[in-house]
Protein backbone atom coordinates (compact mmCIF):
# COMPACT_ATOMS: atom_id res chain seq x y z
CA MET A 1 105.70 147.84 121.97
CA SER A 2 104.74 145.49 119.16
CA TYR A 3 105.41 141.82 119.75
CA LYS A 4 107.26 140.15 116.88
CA THR A 5 108.69 137.13 118.70
CA ILE A 6 106.51 135.23 121.15
CA LEU A 7 107.92 132.48 123.34
CA VAL A 8 105.62 129.78 124.70
CA VAL A 9 107.04 127.37 127.26
CA VAL A 10 105.52 123.91 127.65
CA GLY A 11 106.28 120.63 129.32
CA VAL A 12 106.54 117.35 127.43
CA SER A 13 102.87 116.35 127.43
CA GLN A 14 99.32 117.68 127.06
CA PHE A 15 100.41 120.99 125.51
CA GLU A 16 98.59 121.00 122.17
CA THR A 17 95.83 123.39 123.32
CA ASP A 18 98.37 125.95 124.57
CA LEU A 19 100.39 125.53 121.40
CA ARG A 20 97.45 126.20 119.11
CA ALA A 21 96.37 129.21 121.18
CA ALA A 22 99.89 130.64 120.97
CA ALA A 23 99.89 130.04 117.21
CA ASN A 24 96.63 131.96 116.91
CA LEU A 25 98.15 134.90 118.82
CA CYS A 26 101.10 134.92 116.44
CA ALA A 27 98.86 134.68 113.37
CA SER A 28 96.80 137.68 114.52
CA SER A 29 99.88 139.85 115.09
CA GLY A 30 102.22 138.56 112.38
CA ALA A 31 104.68 137.35 115.01
CA HIS A 32 107.17 134.48 115.06
CA LEU A 33 106.45 131.70 117.56
CA SER A 34 109.31 130.17 119.51
CA VAL A 35 108.35 126.98 121.32
CA LEU A 36 110.42 125.73 124.24
CA PRO A 37 109.49 122.27 125.53
CA ILE A 38 111.31 121.72 128.83
CA LYS A 39 112.01 118.63 130.89
CA ILE A 40 113.64 119.02 134.30
CA ALA A 41 116.55 116.62 134.57
CA THR A 42 116.22 113.77 137.04
CA MET A 43 118.38 114.45 140.09
CA PRO A 44 121.28 112.05 140.72
CA PRO A 45 120.96 109.57 143.61
CA MET A 46 122.39 110.65 146.94
CA GLY A 47 123.82 108.89 149.96
CA ASP A 48 123.05 105.21 150.27
CA PHE A 49 121.27 105.22 146.91
CA ALA A 50 124.29 106.42 144.96
CA ALA A 51 124.88 102.86 143.80
CA LEU A 52 121.72 103.15 141.71
CA SER A 53 123.58 105.26 139.18
CA VAL A 54 122.76 102.93 136.29
CA ALA A 55 119.04 103.29 137.02
CA TRP A 56 119.56 107.06 137.21
CA LEU A 57 121.24 107.12 133.81
CA ASP A 58 118.42 105.04 132.37
CA GLU A 59 115.86 107.46 133.80
CA ARG A 60 117.66 110.43 132.31
CA ALA A 61 117.81 108.67 128.96
CA GLY A 62 114.06 108.19 129.19
CA ASP A 63 113.61 111.89 130.02
CA ILE A 64 115.60 112.91 126.96
CA GLU A 65 113.57 110.53 124.79
CA ASP A 66 110.33 112.10 126.12
CA LEU A 67 111.71 115.55 125.32
CA GLY A 68 112.56 114.50 121.77
CA LYS A 69 109.03 113.21 121.28
CA ALA A 70 107.62 116.51 122.56
CA VAL A 71 109.72 118.50 120.09
CA LYS A 72 108.54 116.27 117.24
CA GLU A 73 104.90 116.53 118.35
CA ALA A 74 105.09 120.33 118.62
CA LYS A 75 106.46 120.60 115.08
CA GLU A 76 103.71 118.33 113.78
CA VAL A 77 101.03 120.48 115.44
CA LEU A 78 102.41 123.72 114.02
CA ASN A 79 103.20 122.53 110.50
CA GLY A 80 100.57 123.78 108.11
CA LEU A 81 99.21 126.52 110.39
CA GLY A 82 100.80 129.20 108.23
CA ILE A 83 102.99 130.84 110.89
CA SER A 84 106.72 131.26 111.30
CA PHE A 85 107.97 129.09 114.16
CA ASP A 86 110.88 127.22 115.70
CA VAL A 87 110.91 124.47 118.31
CA VAL A 88 113.95 123.83 120.50
CA GLY A 89 113.82 121.46 123.48
CA ARG A 90 115.74 122.02 126.70
CA TYR A 91 116.76 119.34 129.18
CA ALA A 92 117.34 121.58 132.17
CA GLU A 93 119.21 120.80 135.34
CA SER A 94 117.02 121.90 138.25
CA MET A 95 119.46 124.44 139.68
CA TRP A 96 119.97 126.08 136.27
CA LEU A 97 116.36 126.08 135.11
CA GLU A 98 115.63 129.75 135.82
CA HIS A 99 118.86 130.93 134.17
CA ASP A 100 118.35 128.70 131.13
CA LEU A 101 114.80 129.96 130.69
CA GLY A 102 115.78 133.58 131.18
CA GLU A 103 118.54 133.29 128.62
CA ARG A 104 116.13 131.98 126.00
CA ALA A 105 113.39 134.49 126.87
CA ARG A 106 115.71 137.44 126.24
CA TYR A 107 115.31 136.80 122.52
CA ALA A 108 111.51 137.06 122.63
CA ASP A 109 109.24 140.03 123.26
CA VAL A 110 106.98 138.19 125.69
CA THR A 111 106.83 134.77 127.33
CA LEU A 112 103.48 132.97 127.44
CA ILE A 113 102.51 130.74 130.35
CA GLY A 114 99.44 128.60 129.74
CA SER A 115 97.51 126.03 131.71
CA SER A 116 99.48 123.03 130.43
CA LEU A 117 102.36 123.80 132.82
CA ARG A 118 99.99 123.10 135.72
CA ILE A 119 100.90 119.44 135.23
CA ASP A 120 104.26 120.20 136.87
CA GLU A 121 104.06 123.08 139.36
CA ARG A 122 107.82 122.94 140.02
CA LEU A 123 108.49 123.48 136.33
CA ARG A 124 105.85 126.22 136.12
CA ALA A 125 107.31 128.12 139.07
CA GLY A 126 110.83 127.90 137.70
CA VAL A 127 109.75 129.04 134.24
CA ILE A 128 107.82 132.05 135.55
CA GLU A 129 110.55 133.19 137.91
CA GLY A 130 113.24 132.61 135.30
CA ALA A 131 111.37 134.77 132.79
CA LEU A 132 110.64 137.51 135.31
CA PHE A 133 114.06 137.72 136.96
CA HIS A 134 116.46 136.75 134.19
CA SER A 135 115.05 137.93 130.85
CA ALA A 136 114.13 141.63 131.17
CA ARG A 137 110.97 140.71 129.28
CA PRO A 138 107.30 140.56 130.31
CA VAL A 139 105.38 137.40 131.10
CA LEU A 140 101.78 136.81 130.04
CA LEU A 141 99.95 134.34 132.25
CA ALA A 142 96.46 133.15 131.54
CA PRO A 143 94.09 130.64 133.09
CA ASP A 144 93.49 129.58 129.49
CA LEU A 145 95.68 130.83 126.63
CA GLN A 146 92.65 130.76 124.35
CA SER A 147 91.37 133.77 126.33
CA ALA A 148 94.64 135.67 125.94
CA THR A 149 95.10 138.50 123.47
CA LEU A 150 97.82 140.98 122.60
CA GLN A 151 95.18 143.46 121.44
CA PRO A 152 92.99 143.79 124.56
CA ARG A 153 89.94 146.04 124.43
CA LYS A 154 89.76 146.66 128.18
CA ILE A 155 92.92 146.97 130.24
CA LEU A 156 93.38 147.37 133.97
CA LEU A 157 96.72 148.81 135.08
CA ALA A 158 97.43 147.95 138.71
CA TRP A 159 99.26 150.97 140.04
CA ASN A 160 101.15 151.51 143.31
CA SER A 161 103.84 153.97 142.15
CA SER A 162 106.56 151.31 142.34
CA ILE A 163 109.37 150.87 139.84
CA GLU A 164 107.83 147.55 138.81
CA SER A 165 104.42 149.09 138.07
CA ALA A 166 106.11 151.90 136.12
CA ARG A 167 107.91 149.35 133.96
CA ALA A 168 104.64 147.48 133.43
CA ALA A 169 102.91 150.68 132.32
CA ARG A 170 105.67 151.43 129.84
CA GLU A 171 105.66 147.88 128.48
CA ALA A 172 101.90 147.99 127.84
CA LEU A 173 101.90 151.48 126.34
CA ASP A 174 101.20 150.42 122.75
CA MET A 175 98.41 148.08 123.81
CA MET A 176 96.82 150.83 125.89
CA LYS A 177 96.91 153.20 122.92
CA ILE A 178 94.61 150.99 120.89
CA ALA A 179 92.44 149.72 123.75
CA GLU A 180 88.84 150.89 124.09
CA SER A 181 89.26 151.60 127.79
CA VAL A 182 92.12 151.79 130.26
CA ASN A 183 91.53 151.87 133.99
CA VAL A 184 94.33 152.73 136.39
CA VAL A 185 93.49 150.84 139.57
CA LEU A 186 94.75 151.75 143.01
CA VAL A 187 93.75 149.73 146.06
CA ALA A 188 93.38 151.70 149.31
CA PRO A 189 95.75 154.49 148.18
CA LYS A 190 96.91 157.04 150.74
CA ALA A 191 96.62 160.65 149.62
CA ALA A 192 99.56 163.01 150.17
CA SER A 193 102.00 160.12 150.66
CA GLY A 194 105.46 160.40 149.19
CA LYS A 195 104.61 157.79 146.56
CA SER A 196 101.05 158.58 145.54
CA GLY A 197 100.87 162.37 145.78
CA LYS A 198 97.89 164.42 146.91
CA GLU A 199 95.67 162.82 144.27
CA PRO A 200 96.64 159.15 143.93
CA GLY A 201 96.77 158.02 140.33
CA ALA A 202 96.74 161.51 138.85
CA ASP A 203 100.42 161.50 137.87
CA ILE A 204 100.31 158.21 135.95
CA ALA A 205 97.00 159.23 134.35
CA THR A 206 98.62 162.45 133.12
CA TYR A 207 101.60 160.54 131.78
CA LEU A 208 99.37 158.15 129.85
CA ALA A 209 97.15 160.99 128.58
CA ARG A 210 100.18 162.62 126.98
CA HIS A 211 100.47 159.44 124.89
CA GLY A 212 96.91 159.89 123.70
CA ILE A 213 95.45 157.31 126.08
CA LYS A 214 92.07 157.98 127.67
CA VAL A 215 92.29 156.86 131.26
CA THR A 216 89.88 156.33 134.12
CA VAL A 217 91.34 156.23 137.62
CA ASP A 218 89.69 153.74 139.97
CA ARG A 219 90.56 154.20 143.64
CA LEU A 220 89.21 151.12 145.34
CA PRO A 221 88.78 150.64 149.10
CA GLY A 222 90.54 147.70 150.65
CA ALA A 223 87.84 147.12 153.28
CA GLY A 224 89.98 144.50 154.95
CA ARG A 225 90.35 142.45 151.77
CA ARG A 226 93.61 141.36 150.23
CA VAL A 227 94.85 143.50 147.34
CA GLU A 228 94.79 140.57 144.91
CA ASP A 229 91.16 139.83 145.77
CA VAL A 230 90.17 143.45 145.10
CA LEU A 231 92.04 143.48 141.78
CA ASN A 232 90.60 140.18 140.61
CA GLN A 233 87.05 141.15 141.49
CA HIS A 234 87.43 144.50 139.73
CA ALA A 235 88.81 142.72 136.66
CA LEU A 236 85.72 140.53 136.59
CA ASP A 237 83.34 143.42 137.30
CA THR A 238 84.74 145.48 134.43
CA SER A 239 85.07 142.52 132.02
CA ALA A 240 88.76 143.32 131.59
CA ASP A 241 90.68 141.50 128.87
CA MET A 242 94.01 142.03 130.58
CA LEU A 243 95.46 143.06 133.92
CA VAL A 244 98.85 144.76 133.70
CA MET A 245 100.99 144.82 136.83
CA GLY A 246 104.50 144.96 138.19
CA ALA A 247 105.87 141.79 139.75
CA TYR A 248 107.71 141.13 142.98
CA GLY A 249 107.83 144.57 144.55
CA HIS A 250 108.97 142.62 147.62
CA SER A 251 111.67 139.96 147.65
CA ARG A 252 110.91 136.49 146.36
CA VAL A 253 111.72 134.99 149.75
CA ARG A 254 109.21 137.26 151.49
CA GLU A 255 106.55 136.50 148.86
CA LYS A 256 107.08 132.75 149.18
CA VAL A 257 107.04 132.75 152.98
CA PHE A 258 104.38 135.35 153.70
CA GLY A 259 102.51 135.48 150.41
CA GLY A 260 101.92 138.56 148.30
CA VAL A 261 100.05 140.02 145.37
CA THR A 262 102.48 138.64 142.77
CA LYS A 263 102.40 135.11 144.17
CA ALA A 264 98.60 135.16 144.39
CA MET A 265 98.25 136.32 140.78
CA ILE A 266 100.72 133.69 139.60
CA ASP A 267 98.93 130.96 141.51
CA VAL A 268 95.41 131.80 140.33
CA PRO A 269 95.16 134.31 137.45
CA VAL A 270 91.47 135.16 136.93
CA VAL A 271 92.02 137.05 133.67
CA PRO A 272 95.16 137.20 131.49
CA VAL A 273 97.89 139.01 133.45
CA LEU A 274 100.86 140.80 131.89
CA MET A 275 103.65 140.91 134.50
CA VAL A 276 106.84 142.93 134.36
CA ARG A 277 109.71 142.85 136.84
């Protein structure tokens, strides 16, 4: 699909680089940029410290002031860049962060996650999970938003026949149509299984070919390596501009406790990653 509204989520400091990169993406695609600076609300004191409520109120007032400054700064950065944009700050209570983010992201075509959110990993995690689980929209993560593009020349589609990977393939269909190369990547696929068929990757390749997409199927051996390591190395080896994948095929609790491909890609994206839940 074409992206006409792009949401970029930032904290309240050190976000100018991400903001300018997002603006460049919008300028190249004629899209509107929605900017959402977020500050997680300071938790109220508990137990014996409850008497410090005045200090707590003062801290929250300071948080809100910081958020206001971030909104003003974002507008100043974007003014004069020649794009359509809006900036709305959100002071989010911790327990409602994911729902608040998801609600806002529903009115964008994609949510961008850049490196500036690394300043606050709790905020970054809540933003990513809120967008994935509560917006029905894709998330584009990048180690550096300046390397991100919505018109990638080389795309890797991580495929495991799951519902999530099918949604990711459908979401990226328009981008794959104009890409120079599309590689469907399967890691240690099992032939003749109920999910992959006798020739793993053939079904999705046929589906994409009917949309006029020229596809190469890469069946990669695991060789004892983790799936995310194989995917990342293949992305580097093929000079991919984007990796497209489904997110959280397992539960969030399992991913957080035991790890998983989604968590690994969120933690350390090597190339821009388009995720769809």
